[in-house]
Amino acid sequence: MRGVVGALPARRPGHVAILDMEASVEHLSRGTVASVDALLVATEPYYRSLETTARLVPLALELGLARVWVVANKVRSARDEALLRDYCASRGFEVVGVVPFDEAVTAADGLGRALVDHAPEAVAVAVLDRLADTLAERLAPPRG
């Protein structure tokens, strides 16, 4: 994976590469993310997922990544969201987005299609669109 990341074109305004990597400390310990602008750690409202987040975020910060944010995923209720937010807040992790559980994601996956092609009106598509806007704002180079 480090070879793939290293082979990406030089950073240019308007060009974005997003890599979806397995939830594992392996990518961090092998230096795969050494040249990324930001790391999003997706977590779910389950103990194992939260514990993985509790290991990944501090490790990424120790490795010198300045922008490490959490995205809550598969959130089914206000209780799930509160649990995730409280867990992250108690550890100083910023939650940058909350993606609700959406059956359209499962349906698209079952068909081998991208969610945006299968169900462009899906709630998850709208939320991810807003998340992309948020990230673009946060990662834009300073003007002036």
N, C-alpha and C. Protein backbone atom coordinates (compact mmCIF):
# COMPACT_ATOMS: atom_id res chain seq x y z
N MET A 1 0.83 -1.18 0.00
CA MET A 1 0.00 0.00 0.00
C MET A 1 0.87 1.25 0.00
N ARG A 2 2.00 1.20 0.70
CA ARG A 2 2.87 2.39 0.73
C ARG A 2 3.34 2.73 -0.68
N GLY A 3 3.57 1.72 -1.51
CA GLY A 3 3.96 1.95 -2.90
C GLY A 3 2.88 2.67 -3.68
N VAL A 4 1.63 2.30 -3.43
CA VAL A 4 0.50 2.95 -4.10
C VAL A 4 0.44 4.41 -3.69
N VAL A 5 0.53 4.66 -2.40
CA VAL A 5 0.47 6.03 -1.90
C VAL A 5 1.65 6.83 -2.46
N GLY A 6 2.82 6.25 -2.47
CA GLY A 6 3.99 6.95 -2.98
C GLY A 6 3.93 7.22 -4.47
N ALA A 7 3.19 6.41 -5.21
CA ALA A 7 3.09 6.57 -6.66
C ALA A 7 2.03 7.58 -7.09
N LEU A 8 1.27 8.09 -6.14
CA LEU A 8 0.25 9.08 -6.49
C LEU A 8 0.92 10.34 -7.02
N PRO A 9 0.26 11.03 -7.95
CA PRO A 9 0.86 12.26 -8.48
C PRO A 9 1.11 13.27 -7.37
N ALA A 10 2.04 14.16 -7.62
CA ALA A 10 2.34 15.21 -6.64
C ALA A 10 1.07 15.97 -6.30
N ARG A 11 1.01 16.46 -5.09
CA ARG A 11 -0.18 17.21 -4.67
C ARG A 11 -0.34 18.45 -5.53
N ARG A 12 -1.53 18.57 -6.07
CA ARG A 12 -1.87 19.74 -6.88
C ARG A 12 -3.23 20.24 -6.45
N PRO A 13 -3.43 21.54 -6.47
CA PRO A 13 -4.76 22.06 -6.11
C PRO A 13 -5.84 21.41 -6.97
N GLY A 14 -6.91 21.03 -6.33
CA GLY A 14 -8.03 20.43 -7.05
C GLY A 14 -7.93 18.93 -7.23
N HIS A 15 -6.83 18.32 -6.83
CA HIS A 15 -6.67 16.88 -6.95
C HIS A 15 -6.75 16.24 -5.57
N VAL A 16 -7.56 15.21 -5.48
CA VAL A 16 -7.77 14.54 -4.20
C VAL A 16 -7.66 13.04 -4.41
N ALA A 17 -6.99 12.38 -3.53
CA ALA A 17 -6.95 10.92 -3.52
C ALA A 17 -7.47 10.44 -2.17
N ILE A 18 -8.44 9.56 -2.20
CA ILE A 18 -8.99 9.02 -0.96
C ILE A 18 -8.75 7.52 -0.99
N LEU A 19 -8.12 7.01 0.03
CA LEU A 19 -7.84 5.59 0.14
C LEU A 19 -8.63 5.00 1.29
N ASP A 20 -9.31 3.92 1.03
CA ASP A 20 -10.06 3.20 2.06
C ASP A 20 -9.22 2.01 2.48
N MET A 21 -8.65 2.10 3.67
CA MET A 21 -7.76 1.03 4.13
C MET A 21 -8.40 0.25 5.27
N GLU A 22 -7.95 -0.95 5.42
CA GLU A 22 -8.45 -1.83 6.47
C GLU A 22 -8.19 -1.21 7.85
N ALA A 23 -9.12 -1.44 8.76
CA ALA A 23 -8.98 -0.93 10.13
C ALA A 23 -7.89 -1.72 10.83
N SER A 24 -6.71 -1.15 10.88
CA SER A 24 -5.58 -1.86 11.45
C SER A 24 -4.46 -0.87 11.75
N VAL A 25 -3.71 -1.16 12.79
CA VAL A 25 -2.55 -0.33 13.09
C VAL A 25 -1.42 -0.59 12.10
N GLU A 26 -1.54 -1.64 11.30
CA GLU A 26 -0.50 -2.01 10.35
C GLU A 26 -0.16 -0.87 9.39
N HIS A 27 -1.17 -0.17 8.88
CA HIS A 27 -0.92 0.92 7.93
C HIS A 27 -0.14 2.04 8.60
N LEU A 28 -0.40 2.25 9.85
CA LEU A 28 0.32 3.30 10.57
C LEU A 28 1.75 2.86 10.89
N SER A 29 1.89 1.64 11.36
CA SER A 29 3.22 1.18 11.77
C SER A 29 4.15 0.98 10.59
N ARG A 30 3.60 0.74 9.41
CA ARG A 30 4.44 0.56 8.21
C ARG A 30 4.70 1.87 7.47
N GLY A 31 4.15 2.95 7.97
CA GLY A 31 4.41 4.24 7.36
C GLY A 31 3.58 4.52 6.12
N THR A 32 2.54 3.75 5.89
CA THR A 32 1.70 3.93 4.70
C THR A 32 1.11 5.33 4.65
N VAL A 33 0.79 5.89 5.79
CA VAL A 33 0.10 7.18 5.83
C VAL A 33 1.04 8.36 6.05
N ALA A 34 2.32 8.14 5.88
CA ALA A 34 3.30 9.19 6.18
C ALA A 34 3.11 10.46 5.36
N SER A 35 2.56 10.36 4.16
CA SER A 35 2.45 11.55 3.32
C SER A 35 1.01 12.01 3.12
N VAL A 36 0.11 11.58 3.97
CA VAL A 36 -1.28 12.00 3.81
C VAL A 36 -1.52 13.37 4.45
N ASP A 37 -2.53 14.06 3.93
CA ASP A 37 -2.89 15.37 4.48
C ASP A 37 -3.80 15.24 5.70
N ALA A 38 -4.58 14.16 5.73
CA ALA A 38 -5.50 13.93 6.84
C ALA A 38 -5.82 12.45 6.90
N LEU A 39 -6.16 12.01 8.09
CA LEU A 39 -6.57 10.62 8.29
C LEU A 39 -7.95 10.63 8.92
N LEU A 40 -8.88 9.93 8.28
CA LEU A 40 -10.21 9.75 8.84
C LEU A 40 -10.27 8.35 9.42
N VAL A 41 -10.66 8.26 10.65
CA VAL A 41 -10.81 6.96 11.31
C VAL A 41 -12.32 6.71 11.45
N ALA A 42 -12.81 5.76 10.67
CA ALA A 42 -14.23 5.42 10.74
C ALA A 42 -14.45 4.49 11.92
N THR A 43 -15.45 4.80 12.71
CA THR A 43 -15.76 3.96 13.85
C THR A 43 -17.25 3.72 13.92
N GLU A 44 -17.63 2.66 14.57
CA GLU A 44 -19.03 2.28 14.71
C GLU A 44 -19.37 2.20 16.19
N PRO A 45 -20.66 2.24 16.51
CA PRO A 45 -21.06 2.25 17.93
C PRO A 45 -20.99 0.87 18.59
N TYR A 46 -19.85 0.22 18.44
CA TYR A 46 -19.62 -1.09 19.04
C TYR A 46 -18.29 -1.06 19.77
N TYR A 47 -18.19 -1.82 20.83
CA TYR A 47 -17.01 -1.79 21.69
C TYR A 47 -15.71 -2.02 20.91
N ARG A 48 -15.65 -3.07 20.10
CA ARG A 48 -14.40 -3.37 19.39
C ARG A 48 -14.00 -2.25 18.44
N SER A 49 -14.98 -1.69 17.78
CA SER A 49 -14.68 -0.59 16.86
C SER A 49 -14.16 0.63 17.61
N LEU A 50 -14.80 0.95 18.71
CA LEU A 50 -14.36 2.09 19.51
C LEU A 50 -12.96 1.85 20.09
N GLU A 51 -12.69 0.64 20.51
CA GLU A 51 -11.36 0.33 21.06
C GLU A 51 -10.29 0.42 19.97
N THR A 52 -10.62 0.03 18.75
CA THR A 52 -9.68 0.18 17.64
C THR A 52 -9.41 1.65 17.40
N THR A 53 -10.45 2.46 17.43
CA THR A 53 -10.29 3.91 17.28
C THR A 53 -9.39 4.46 18.38
N ALA A 54 -9.56 3.97 19.59
CA ALA A 54 -8.76 4.44 20.73
C ALA A 54 -7.28 4.10 20.55
N ARG A 55 -6.96 3.10 19.75
CA ARG A 55 -5.56 2.77 19.45
C ARG A 55 -5.05 3.55 18.24
N LEU A 56 -5.90 3.67 17.20
CA LEU A 56 -5.45 4.27 15.95
C LEU A 56 -5.19 5.77 16.05
N VAL A 57 -6.10 6.50 16.66
CA VAL A 57 -5.96 7.96 16.69
C VAL A 57 -4.68 8.38 17.41
N PRO A 58 -4.41 7.92 18.62
CA PRO A 58 -3.16 8.33 19.29
C PRO A 58 -1.91 7.91 18.52
N LEU A 59 -1.94 6.73 17.91
CA LEU A 59 -0.79 6.28 17.15
C LEU A 59 -0.55 7.19 15.95
N ALA A 60 -1.60 7.56 15.25
CA ALA A 60 -1.47 8.47 14.11
C ALA A 60 -0.89 9.81 14.55
N LEU A 61 -1.35 10.31 15.68
CA LEU A 61 -0.84 11.58 16.20
C LEU A 61 0.62 11.45 16.60
N GLU A 62 0.99 10.33 17.21
CA GLU A 62 2.39 10.08 17.60
C GLU A 62 3.30 10.05 16.38
N LEU A 63 2.77 9.57 15.25
CA LEU A 63 3.55 9.49 14.02
C LEU A 63 3.66 10.84 13.31
N GLY A 64 3.03 11.87 13.89
CA GLY A 64 3.17 13.20 13.35
C GLY A 64 2.05 13.66 12.42
N LEU A 65 0.99 12.89 12.29
CA LEU A 65 -0.13 13.34 11.48
C LEU A 65 -0.86 14.42 12.25
N ALA A 66 -0.97 15.59 11.66
CA ALA A 66 -1.56 16.72 12.37
C ALA A 66 -3.08 16.71 12.35
N ARG A 67 -3.66 16.14 11.30
CA ARG A 67 -5.12 16.16 11.15
C ARG A 67 -5.66 14.74 11.14
N VAL A 68 -6.16 14.34 12.29
CA VAL A 68 -6.75 13.02 12.46
C VAL A 68 -8.14 13.22 13.01
N TRP A 69 -9.13 12.80 12.25
CA TRP A 69 -10.52 12.99 12.64
C TRP A 69 -11.27 11.69 12.62
N VAL A 70 -12.33 11.64 13.39
CA VAL A 70 -13.17 10.45 13.48
C VAL A 70 -14.46 10.68 12.70
N VAL A 71 -14.88 9.64 11.99
CA VAL A 71 -16.18 9.64 11.32
C VAL A 71 -16.99 8.51 11.95
N ALA A 72 -18.11 8.87 12.54
CA ALA A 72 -19.00 7.87 13.12
C ALA A 72 -19.79 7.23 11.98
N ASN A 73 -19.84 5.92 11.95
CA ASN A 73 -20.47 5.20 10.84
C ASN A 73 -21.52 4.23 11.36
N LYS A 74 -22.52 3.98 10.54
CA LYS A 74 -23.59 3.03 10.85
C LYS A 74 -24.33 3.39 12.13
N VAL A 75 -24.58 4.67 12.29
CA VAL A 75 -25.26 5.18 13.48
C VAL A 75 -26.76 4.99 13.30
N ARG A 76 -27.37 4.22 14.21
CA ARG A 76 -28.79 3.87 14.08
C ARG A 76 -29.72 4.72 14.92
N SER A 77 -29.18 5.42 15.90
CA SER A 77 -30.07 6.15 16.81
C SER A 77 -29.32 7.32 17.46
N ALA A 78 -30.10 8.18 18.09
CA ALA A 78 -29.50 9.28 18.84
C ALA A 78 -28.62 8.73 19.96
N ARG A 79 -29.02 7.60 20.52
CA ARG A 79 -28.22 6.97 21.59
C ARG A 79 -26.86 6.52 21.04
N ASP A 80 -26.86 5.90 19.84
CA ASP A 80 -25.60 5.51 19.21
C ASP A 80 -24.69 6.72 19.01
N GLU A 81 -25.27 7.79 18.49
CA GLU A 81 -24.48 8.99 18.22
C GLU A 81 -23.91 9.57 19.52
N ALA A 82 -24.74 9.63 20.55
CA ALA A 82 -24.28 10.17 21.83
C ALA A 82 -23.15 9.31 22.39
N LEU A 83 -23.29 7.99 22.29
CA LEU A 83 -22.25 7.08 22.78
C LEU A 83 -20.94 7.35 22.06
N LEU A 84 -20.99 7.44 20.74
CA LEU A 84 -19.79 7.69 19.95
C LEU A 84 -19.17 9.05 20.28
N ARG A 85 -20.00 10.05 20.34
CA ARG A 85 -19.49 11.40 20.62
C ARG A 85 -18.89 11.49 22.02
N ASP A 86 -19.56 10.90 23.00
CA ASP A 86 -19.04 10.92 24.38
C ASP A 86 -17.71 10.17 24.46
N TYR A 87 -17.64 9.01 23.84
CA TYR A 87 -16.42 8.20 23.84
C TYR A 87 -15.27 9.01 23.25
N CYS A 88 -15.52 9.61 22.08
CA CYS A 88 -14.46 10.37 21.40
C CYS A 88 -14.09 11.63 22.20
N ALA A 89 -15.08 12.34 22.69
CA ALA A 89 -14.82 13.56 23.46
C ALA A 89 -13.98 13.26 24.70
N SER A 90 -14.26 12.14 25.35
CA SER A 90 -13.52 11.80 26.57
C SER A 90 -12.04 11.51 26.27
N ARG A 91 -11.73 11.27 25.02
CA ARG A 91 -10.35 10.99 24.63
C ARG A 91 -9.74 12.12 23.80
N GLY A 92 -10.50 13.18 23.59
CA GLY A 92 -10.00 14.32 22.84
C GLY A 92 -10.01 14.11 21.34
N PHE A 93 -10.83 13.18 20.84
CA PHE A 93 -10.91 12.92 19.40
C PHE A 93 -12.05 13.75 18.82
N GLU A 94 -11.79 14.42 17.71
CA GLU A 94 -12.83 15.22 17.07
C GLU A 94 -13.63 14.36 16.09
N VAL A 95 -14.95 14.38 16.24
CA VAL A 95 -15.84 13.70 15.31
C VAL A 95 -16.20 14.72 14.23
N VAL A 96 -15.79 14.42 13.00
CA VAL A 96 -15.98 15.36 11.90
C VAL A 96 -17.23 15.04 11.08
N GLY A 97 -17.81 13.86 11.29
CA GLY A 97 -19.02 13.50 10.55
C GLY A 97 -19.71 12.32 11.19
N VAL A 98 -21.01 12.23 10.95
CA VAL A 98 -21.83 11.13 11.46
C VAL A 98 -22.64 10.57 10.30
N VAL A 99 -22.37 9.34 9.93
CA VAL A 99 -23.05 8.68 8.83
C VAL A 99 -24.07 7.70 9.41
N PRO A 100 -25.34 7.90 9.09
CA PRO A 100 -26.36 7.00 9.64
C PRO A 100 -26.33 5.64 8.96
N PHE A 101 -26.82 4.64 9.67
CA PHE A 101 -27.02 3.33 9.04
C PHE A 101 -28.03 3.54 7.92
N ASP A 102 -27.76 2.98 6.77
CA ASP A 102 -28.62 3.18 5.61
C ASP A 102 -28.71 1.87 4.84
N GLU A 103 -29.90 1.31 4.74
CA GLU A 103 -30.10 0.04 4.02
C GLU A 103 -29.67 0.15 2.57
N ALA A 104 -29.70 1.35 2.01
CA ALA A 104 -29.28 1.53 0.62
C ALA A 104 -27.81 1.15 0.42
N VAL A 105 -27.00 1.33 1.46
CA VAL A 105 -25.59 0.95 1.38
C VAL A 105 -25.48 -0.57 1.22
N THR A 106 -26.23 -1.30 2.02
CA THR A 106 -26.21 -2.76 1.96
C THR A 106 -26.71 -3.24 0.60
N ALA A 107 -27.78 -2.62 0.12
CA ALA A 107 -28.34 -3.00 -1.18
C ALA A 107 -27.34 -2.76 -2.30
N ALA A 108 -26.71 -1.60 -2.30
CA ALA A 108 -25.73 -1.28 -3.34
C ALA A 108 -24.56 -2.24 -3.29
N ASP A 109 -24.08 -2.54 -2.09
CA ASP A 109 -22.97 -3.47 -1.93
C ASP A 109 -23.34 -4.85 -2.46
N GLY A 110 -24.55 -5.29 -2.16
CA GLY A 110 -25.01 -6.59 -2.64
C GLY A 110 -25.06 -6.69 -4.16
N LEU A 111 -25.24 -5.55 -4.80
CA LEU A 111 -25.28 -5.50 -6.27
C LEU A 111 -23.92 -5.19 -6.88
N GLY A 112 -22.94 -4.92 -6.01
CA GLY A 112 -21.61 -4.57 -6.50
C GLY A 112 -21.57 -3.20 -7.15
N ARG A 113 -22.44 -2.30 -6.70
CA ARG A 113 -22.52 -0.96 -7.28
C ARG A 113 -22.13 0.08 -6.25
N ALA A 114 -21.70 1.20 -6.74
CA ALA A 114 -21.42 2.33 -5.85
C ALA A 114 -22.75 2.87 -5.35
N LEU A 115 -22.78 3.28 -4.10
CA LEU A 115 -24.00 3.80 -3.51
C LEU A 115 -24.55 4.98 -4.30
N VAL A 116 -23.69 5.88 -4.71
CA VAL A 116 -24.14 7.08 -5.41
C VAL A 116 -24.78 6.74 -6.76
N ASP A 117 -24.38 5.63 -7.36
CA ASP A 117 -25.00 5.19 -8.61
C ASP A 117 -26.30 4.43 -8.36
N HIS A 118 -26.30 3.63 -7.32
CA HIS A 118 -27.46 2.80 -7.00
C HIS A 118 -28.60 3.62 -6.40
N ALA A 119 -28.28 4.49 -5.48
CA ALA A 119 -29.32 5.26 -4.77
C ALA A 119 -28.80 6.67 -4.48
N PRO A 120 -28.72 7.51 -5.50
CA PRO A 120 -28.16 8.86 -5.29
C PRO A 120 -28.95 9.70 -4.29
N GLU A 121 -30.20 9.33 -4.03
CA GLU A 121 -31.02 10.07 -3.07
C GLU A 121 -30.89 9.54 -1.64
N ALA A 122 -30.07 8.54 -1.44
CA ALA A 122 -29.92 7.93 -0.12
C ALA A 122 -29.40 8.94 0.91
N VAL A 123 -29.85 8.78 2.13
CA VAL A 123 -29.43 9.66 3.21
C VAL A 123 -27.91 9.65 3.36
N ALA A 124 -27.31 8.48 3.28
CA ALA A 124 -25.86 8.37 3.45
C ALA A 124 -25.11 9.17 2.37
N VAL A 125 -25.65 9.22 1.16
CA VAL A 125 -25.02 9.99 0.08
C VAL A 125 -25.00 11.48 0.45
N ALA A 126 -26.11 11.99 0.94
CA ALA A 126 -26.19 13.40 1.32
C ALA A 126 -25.21 13.71 2.46
N VAL A 127 -25.14 12.83 3.44
CA VAL A 127 -24.25 13.04 4.58
C VAL A 127 -22.79 13.01 4.12
N LEU A 128 -22.45 12.07 3.26
CA LEU A 128 -21.07 11.98 2.77
C LEU A 128 -20.72 13.16 1.88
N ASP A 129 -21.69 13.67 1.16
CA ASP A 129 -21.48 14.88 0.36
C ASP A 129 -21.11 16.06 1.27
N ARG A 130 -21.85 16.21 2.36
CA ARG A 130 -21.55 17.29 3.32
C ARG A 130 -20.18 17.07 3.97
N LEU A 131 -19.86 15.82 4.26
CA LEU A 131 -18.55 15.51 4.84
C LEU A 131 -17.45 15.90 3.87
N ALA A 132 -17.62 15.60 2.60
CA ALA A 132 -16.63 15.97 1.59
C ALA A 132 -16.44 17.48 1.55
N ASP A 133 -17.53 18.23 1.65
CA ASP A 133 -17.44 19.70 1.67
C ASP A 133 -16.67 20.18 2.90
N THR A 134 -16.96 19.58 4.04
CA THR A 134 -16.27 19.94 5.28
C THR A 134 -14.78 19.69 5.16
N LEU A 135 -14.42 18.53 4.62
CA LEU A 135 -13.00 18.19 4.47
C LEU A 135 -12.32 19.12 3.48
N ALA A 136 -13.00 19.45 2.39
CA ALA A 136 -12.42 20.36 1.40
C ALA A 136 -12.12 21.72 2.03
N GLU A 137 -13.03 22.19 2.86
CA GLU A 137 -12.81 23.47 3.55
C GLU A 137 -11.63 23.39 4.50
N ARG A 138 -11.56 22.31 5.27
CA ARG A 138 -10.50 22.18 6.27
C ARG A 138 -9.13 21.96 5.65
N LEU A 139 -9.10 21.33 4.48
CA LEU A 139 -7.82 20.99 3.86
C LEU A 139 -7.39 21.97 2.79
N ALA A 140 -8.23 22.94 2.48
CA ALA A 140 -7.87 23.93 1.47
C ALA A 140 -6.67 24.74 1.93
N PRO A 141 -5.77 25.04 1.00
CA PRO A 141 -4.62 25.87 1.40
C PRO A 141 -5.09 27.26 1.78
N PRO A 142 -4.40 27.90 2.70
CA PRO A 142 -4.78 29.25 3.12
C PRO A 142 -4.72 30.21 1.94
N ARG A 143 -5.68 31.10 1.91
CA ARG A 143 -5.72 32.10 0.81
C ARG A 143 -4.92 33.33 1.22
N GLY A 144 -4.37 33.93 0.21
CA GLY A 144 -3.75 35.22 0.46
C GLY A 144 -2.31 35.14 0.47
